[in-house]
Amino acid sequence: MLIYKIFRRPEWNALVAAGETRGAPVDLADGYIHFSTAQQVMDTAAKHFAGEGDLVLVACETASLDDALKWEPSRGGALFPHLYRPLRHADVAWDTSLPLGATGHIFPESLI
């Protein structure tokens, strides 16, 4: 199963350069890296990245994240995937730009 993380371009560039990351400031504050499922990621973008362009959508296969991935209740009691270890560049199945359009972020057709 694929799960998704949205990075601002400088955060993504830092992950690529270093080979891993502990996440964005919100992730560092909470002690884990926030991910979303395919059904959650558009709401995540609208809620936490509204109006922001130059984002990167990253997909990771849950099987590669092992026991460090926990499913925990969050928004409205829905279970969200949280990663309790650094995210490694090698964990990334694929990445793509997440541009901002006139009505919000433009997601790959596979997620719509």
C-alpha atoms as a PDB file:
ATOM      1  CA  MET A   1       0.000   0.000   0.000  1.00  0.00           C
ATOM      2  CA  LEU A   2       1.291   3.441  -0.862  1.00  0.00           C
ATOM      3  CA  ILE A   3       1.156   6.319   1.630  1.00  0.00           C
ATOM      4  CA  TYR A   4       1.977   9.946   0.892  1.00  0.00           C
ATOM      5  CA  LYS A   5       3.972  12.822   2.333  1.00  0.00           C
ATOM      6  CA  ILE A   6       3.919  16.402   1.093  1.00  0.00           C
ATOM      7  CA  PHE A   7       7.182  18.321   1.329  1.00  0.00           C
ATOM      8  CA  ARG A   8       8.020  21.913   0.598  1.00  0.00           C
ATOM      9  CA  ARG A   9      10.734  21.993  -2.073  1.00  0.00           C
ATOM     10  CA  PRO A  10      13.574  22.977   0.347  1.00  0.00           C
ATOM     11  CA  GLU A  11      12.585  20.119   2.702  1.00  0.00           C
ATOM     12  CA  TRP A  12      12.631  17.662  -0.203  1.00  0.00           C
ATOM     13  CA  ASN A  13      15.972  18.974  -1.462  1.00  0.00           C
ATOM     14  CA  ALA A  14      17.432  18.548   2.036  1.00  0.00           C
ATOM     15  CA  LEU A  15      16.198  14.925   2.191  1.00  0.00           C
ATOM     16  CA  VAL A  16      17.747  14.155  -1.196  1.00  0.00           C
ATOM     17  CA  ALA A  17      21.053  15.791  -0.217  1.00  0.00           C
ATOM     18  CA  ALA A  18      21.281  14.124   3.209  1.00  0.00           C
ATOM     19  CA  GLY A  19      19.722  10.781   2.231  1.00  0.00           C
ATOM     20  CA  GLU A  20      17.165  10.993   5.051  1.00  0.00           C
ATOM     21  CA  THR A  21      15.051  13.389   7.086  1.00  0.00           C
ATOM     22  CA  ARG A  22      13.207  13.582  10.372  1.00  0.00           C
ATOM     23  CA  GLY A  23      10.590  15.631   8.525  1.00  0.00           C
ATOM     24  CA  ALA A  24       9.179  19.123   8.459  1.00  0.00           C
ATOM     25  CA  PRO A  25       8.949  21.367  11.546  1.00  0.00           C
ATOM     26  CA  VAL A  26       5.536  19.884  12.459  1.00  0.00           C
ATOM     27  CA  ASP A  27       7.023  16.383  12.308  1.00  0.00           C
ATOM     28  CA  LEU A  28       9.947  17.380  14.517  1.00  0.00           C
ATOM     29  CA  ALA A  29       7.561  18.958  17.031  1.00  0.00           C
ATOM     30  CA  ASP A  30       5.297  15.878  17.137  1.00  0.00           C
ATOM     31  CA  GLY A  31       8.108  13.299  17.209  1.00  0.00           C
ATOM     32  CA  TYR A  32       7.070  11.404  14.071  1.00  0.00           C
ATOM     33  CA  ILE A  33       6.667  11.969  10.336  1.00  0.00           C
ATOM     34  CA  HIS A  34       3.091  12.579   9.244  1.00  0.00           C
ATOM     35  CA  PHE A  35       1.826  10.648   6.223  1.00  0.00           C
ATOM     36  CA  SER A  36      -1.588  10.390   4.566  1.00  0.00           C
ATOM     37  CA  THR A  37      -3.388   7.679   2.649  1.00  0.00           C
ATOM     38  CA  ALA A  38      -4.600   8.245  -0.907  1.00  0.00           C
ATOM     39  CA  GLN A  39      -8.030   9.090   0.518  1.00  0.00           C
ATOM     40  CA  GLN A  40      -6.570  11.628   2.993  1.00  0.00           C
ATOM     41  CA  VAL A  41      -3.805  13.385   1.064  1.00  0.00           C
ATOM     42  CA  MET A  42      -5.962  15.918  -0.802  1.00  0.00           C
ATOM     43  CA  ASP A  43      -7.554  17.091   2.451  1.00  0.00           C
ATOM     44  CA  THR A  44      -4.083  17.263   4.013  1.00  0.00           C
ATOM     45  CA  ALA A  45      -2.905  19.504   1.168  1.00  0.00           C
ATOM     46  CA  ALA A  46      -5.946  21.761   1.485  1.00  0.00           C
ATOM     47  CA  LYS A  47      -5.672  22.015   5.277  1.00  0.00           C
ATOM     48  CA  HIS A  48      -1.919  22.363   5.777  1.00  0.00           C
ATOM     49  CA  PHE A  49      -0.593  23.663   2.426  1.00  0.00           C
ATOM     50  CA  ALA A  50      -3.399  25.906   1.146  1.00  0.00           C
ATOM     51  CA  GLY A  51      -2.036  28.473  -1.270  1.00  0.00           C
ATOM     52  CA  GLU A  52       1.481  27.017  -1.240  1.00  0.00           C
ATOM     53  CA  GLY A  53       3.149  26.149  -4.513  1.00  0.00           C
ATOM     54  CA  ASP A  54       6.412  24.357  -5.257  1.00  0.00           C
ATOM     55  CA  LEU A  55       5.527  21.282  -3.240  1.00  0.00           C
ATOM     56  CA  VAL A  56       6.665  17.698  -3.746  1.00  0.00           C
ATOM     57  CA  LEU A  57       4.349  14.708  -3.316  1.00  0.00           C
ATOM     58  CA  VAL A  58       6.229  11.626  -2.146  1.00  0.00           C
ATOM     59  CA  ALA A  59       4.874   8.069  -2.179  1.00  0.00           C
ATOM     60  CA  CYS A  60       6.238   5.303   0.051  1.00  0.00           C
ATOM     61  CA  GLU A  61       5.335   1.639   0.186  1.00  0.00           C
ATOM     62  CA  THR A  62       4.175   0.747   3.696  1.00  0.00           C
ATOM     63  CA  ALA A  63       5.959  -2.621   3.597  1.00  0.00           C
ATOM     64  CA  SER A  64       9.342  -0.886   3.330  1.00  0.00           C
ATOM     65  CA  LEU A  65       8.727   1.167   6.496  1.00  0.00           C
ATOM     66  CA  ASP A  66       8.549  -1.878   8.799  1.00  0.00           C
ATOM     67  CA  ASP A  67       7.514  -1.656  12.439  1.00  0.00           C
ATOM     68  CA  ALA A  68       8.359   2.061  12.644  1.00  0.00           C
ATOM     69  CA  LEU A  69       5.046   2.831  10.883  1.00  0.00           C
ATOM     70  CA  LYS A  70       2.116   3.211  13.264  1.00  0.00           C
ATOM     71  CA  TRP A  71      -1.530   3.866  12.403  1.00  0.00           C
ATOM     72  CA  GLU A  72      -2.962   6.377  14.869  1.00  0.00           C
ATOM     73  CA  PRO A  73      -6.193   8.370  15.152  1.00  0.00           C
ATOM     74  CA  SER A  74      -6.071  11.972  14.053  1.00  0.00           C
ATOM     75  CA  ARG A  75      -8.455  14.239  12.110  1.00  0.00           C
ATOM     76  CA  GLY A  76     -11.992  13.172  12.949  1.00  0.00           C
ATOM     77  CA  GLY A  77     -10.749   9.922  14.481  1.00  0.00           C
ATOM     78  CA  ALA A  78      -9.467   8.593  11.136  1.00  0.00           C
ATOM     79  CA  LEU A  79      -6.327   6.472  11.292  1.00  0.00           C
ATOM     80  CA  PHE A  80      -3.271   8.180   9.809  1.00  0.00           C
ATOM     81  CA  PRO A  81       0.140   6.617   9.129  1.00  0.00           C
ATOM     82  CA  HIS A  82       2.943   8.013  11.307  1.00  0.00           C
ATOM     83  CA  LEU A  83       6.596   7.086  10.848  1.00  0.00           C
ATOM     84  CA  TYR A  84       8.679   6.854  14.035  1.00  0.00           C
ATOM     85  CA  ARG A  85      12.104   6.897  12.417  1.00  0.00           C
ATOM     86  CA  PRO A  86      13.850   9.040   9.822  1.00  0.00           C
ATOM     87  CA  LEU A  87      12.470   8.787   6.309  1.00  0.00           C
ATOM     88  CA  ARG A  88      15.214   7.571   4.014  1.00  0.00           C
ATOM     89  CA  HIS A  89      15.465   8.540   0.380  1.00  0.00           C
ATOM     90  CA  ALA A  90      15.610   4.801  -0.326  1.00  0.00           C
ATOM     91  CA  ASP A  91      12.085   4.483   1.202  1.00  0.00           C
ATOM     92  CA  VAL A  92      10.597   6.657  -1.545  1.00  0.00           C
ATOM     93  CA  ALA A  93       8.783   4.718  -4.273  1.00  0.00           C
ATOM     94  CA  TRP A  94       8.251   7.849  -6.362  1.00  0.00           C
ATOM     95  CA  ASP A  95       8.025  11.607  -6.138  1.00  0.00           C
ATOM     96  CA  THR A  96       6.406  14.276  -8.280  1.00  0.00           C
ATOM     97  CA  SER A  97       5.822  18.004  -8.212  1.00  0.00           C
ATOM     98  CA  LEU A  98       2.530  19.055  -6.639  1.00  0.00           C
ATOM     99  CA  PRO A  99       1.668  22.287  -8.432  1.00  0.00           C
ATOM    100  CA  LEU A 100      -0.901  24.809  -7.286  1.00  0.00           C
ATOM    101  CA  GLY A 101      -3.735  25.461  -9.717  1.00  0.00           C
ATOM    102  CA  ALA A 102      -6.559  27.984  -9.675  1.00  0.00           C
ATOM    103  CA  THR A 103      -8.745  25.769  -7.470  1.00  0.00           C
ATOM    104  CA  GLY A 104      -6.093  24.006  -5.371  1.00  0.00           C
ATOM    105  CA  HIS A 105      -3.274  21.538  -5.789  1.00  0.00           C
ATOM    106  CA  ILE A 106      -3.109  19.443  -8.928  1.00  0.00           C
ATOM    107  CA  PHE A 107      -2.685  15.788  -7.971  1.00  0.00           C
ATOM    108  CA  PRO A 108      -1.631  12.930 -10.240  1.00  0.00           C
ATOM    109  CA  GLU A 109      -4.593  11.277 -11.945  1.00  0.00           C
ATOM    110  CA  SER A 110      -3.849   8.038 -10.088  1.00  0.00           C
ATOM    111  CA  LEU A 111      -4.978   9.729  -6.841  1.00  0.00           C
ATOM    112  CA  ILE A 112      -8.085  11.453  -8.155  1.00  0.00           C
END
